[in-house]
């Protein structure tokens, strides 16, 4: 699993001119899956993201997690995180899981994140053409790949 985590002051997801997700302070998590991903990866990644200390404390030092600040989260599935760009100029998505594998992983990831945070998270829609609007706070953007846990 690959995740791009962005600390946001605001974020929304629009599908067919309808806002389906909307938050203020929190995290936008773009998540991509490959066939080798499993439940263990999901458990590790949800705990890592929920406890990532990237919010400012009273001294404006990044020392607080999303849990600490009571922020919200939007999770958006994004197969393009597994783009292979070594050859040519057209990315290949061979490493990205097909929907029959990725959808259960995506749904499980969302459920595990809600358990980890103790509240609902908002989402995009798997496979939809989404327009994501965000105000990146910092900017803070972090990439995590479960294949690089060590």
Foldseek 3Di string as FASTA:
>chain_A
DKKKKFFFQKKFKAFPNRTQDIFGTDIEIEDFDFPPDDPVLLLVVLLCQQAPQQAQDPVGDSGGGCLRVVGAYEYEYDLCVQWDCPDDHDTDSVRTDDCVRVVVVVVSSQVSNCVNSVHHHTYDDPPGDMDMDTHGPVGDIDMDDSVPPD
